[in-house]
């Protein structure tokens, strides 16, 4: 069975991601840099010549960034461990988003 997590990158909660990173010992200037990179972003959708209003991005990972897929794997790593404890073997991979 395969699970496509493409849309799941949009649902990553920043506070949970940073808590997970800190549980792995990532702190100081690295966590500050990551917070600055992922937080405070806005989103606007363009269809043809029409633009939506600008909205704050409260969740999600920048998919075209080099670090985005790694952050997602870190975010869902606990799921991998839970499934493995129930005898389900998971292989994670990312293709270019």
Protein backbone atom coordinates (compact mmCIF):
# COMPACT_ATOMS: atom_id res chain seq x y z
CA UNK A 1 0.00 0.00 0.00
CA UNK A 2 1.22 3.49 -0.82
CA UNK A 3 0.18 6.74 0.87
CA UNK A 4 0.64 10.03 -0.97
CA UNK A 5 1.48 12.79 1.51
CA UNK A 6 1.66 15.58 -1.08
CA UNK A 7 -1.24 17.58 0.38
CA UNK A 8 -0.18 16.71 3.93
CA UNK A 9 2.72 19.16 3.73
CA UNK A 10 0.13 21.94 3.85
CA UNK A 11 -1.22 20.71 7.20
CA UNK A 12 2.03 20.62 9.21
CA UNK A 13 1.45 22.68 12.35
CA UNK A 14 4.45 24.89 12.99
CA UNK A 15 4.29 24.65 16.80
CA UNK A 16 4.29 20.84 16.63
CA UNK A 17 7.15 20.83 14.13
CA UNK A 18 9.29 23.05 16.36
CA UNK A 19 8.43 20.96 19.43
CA UNK A 20 9.54 17.85 17.53
CA UNK A 21 12.78 19.54 16.42
CA UNK A 22 13.50 20.63 19.98
CA UNK A 23 12.87 17.06 21.21
CA UNK A 24 15.70 16.02 18.88
CA UNK A 25 17.97 18.63 20.50
CA UNK A 26 17.74 21.32 17.83
CA UNK A 27 17.94 24.66 19.63
CA UNK A 28 19.58 28.06 19.56
CA UNK A 29 20.28 29.84 16.30
CA UNK A 30 19.21 26.84 14.19
CA UNK A 31 15.69 26.72 15.66
CA UNK A 32 15.50 30.52 15.42
CA UNK A 33 16.47 30.37 11.73
CA UNK A 34 13.88 27.66 11.07
CA UNK A 35 11.15 29.65 12.87
CA UNK A 36 12.00 32.71 10.78
CA UNK A 37 11.94 30.60 7.61
CA UNK A 38 8.60 28.87 8.22
CA UNK A 39 6.65 31.47 10.21
CA UNK A 40 5.35 34.86 9.15
CA UNK A 41 4.69 33.81 5.56
CA UNK A 42 1.62 34.77 3.58
CA UNK A 43 -0.26 33.07 0.78
CA UNK A 44 -2.15 34.39 -2.22
CA UNK A 45 -3.74 32.42 -5.03
CA UNK A 46 -3.80 33.54 -8.64
CA UNK A 47 -6.27 32.16 -11.18
CA UNK A 48 -5.89 33.67 -14.63
CA UNK A 49 -5.68 37.41 -13.91
CA UNK A 50 -7.55 37.30 -10.56
CA UNK A 51 -5.77 37.33 -7.19
CA UNK A 52 -7.24 36.23 -3.88
CA UNK A 53 -6.80 38.18 -0.69
CA UNK A 54 -3.50 37.69 1.13
CA UNK A 55 -3.75 35.29 4.09
CA UNK A 56 -1.29 34.39 6.83
CA UNK A 57 0.09 30.85 6.59
CA UNK A 58 -0.45 29.31 10.02
CA UNK A 59 0.66 25.86 8.94
CA UNK A 60 2.45 24.15 6.12
CA UNK A 61 5.93 23.55 4.83
CA UNK A 62 7.44 25.37 1.87
CA UNK A 63 7.40 22.50 -0.60
CA UNK A 64 9.91 23.82 -3.10
CA UNK A 65 12.53 24.51 -0.44
CA UNK A 66 15.45 22.15 -0.05
CA UNK A 67 14.71 21.70 3.65
CA UNK A 68 10.91 21.22 3.35
CA UNK A 69 10.86 17.47 2.67
CA UNK A 70 13.32 16.83 5.51
CA UNK A 71 11.14 18.81 7.93
CA UNK A 72 8.11 16.77 6.87
CA UNK A 73 9.90 13.47 7.45
CA UNK A 74 10.94 14.70 10.90
CA UNK A 75 7.33 15.77 11.55
CA UNK A 76 5.87 12.34 10.71
CA UNK A 77 8.74 10.27 12.11
CA UNK A 78 6.69 9.35 15.20
CA UNK A 79 4.02 7.84 12.92
CA UNK A 80 6.70 5.63 11.41
CA UNK A 81 7.74 4.43 14.87
CA UNK A 82 4.14 3.73 15.96
CA UNK A 83 3.40 1.72 12.82
CA UNK A 84 6.63 -0.24 13.18
CA UNK A 85 5.68 -1.16 16.76
CA UNK A 86 2.55 -2.79 15.29
CA UNK A 87 4.50 -4.78 12.72
CA UNK A 88 3.97 -2.41 9.81
CA UNK A 89 7.20 -1.67 7.97
CA UNK A 90 7.28 1.80 6.46
CA UNK A 91 9.63 3.17 3.84
CA UNK A 92 9.67 6.94 3.49
CA UNK A 93 10.89 8.75 0.43
CA UNK A 94 10.38 12.15 -1.10
CA UNK A 95 10.21 13.06 -4.71
CA UNK A 96 10.73 16.66 -5.78
CA UNK A 97 7.69 18.61 -4.70
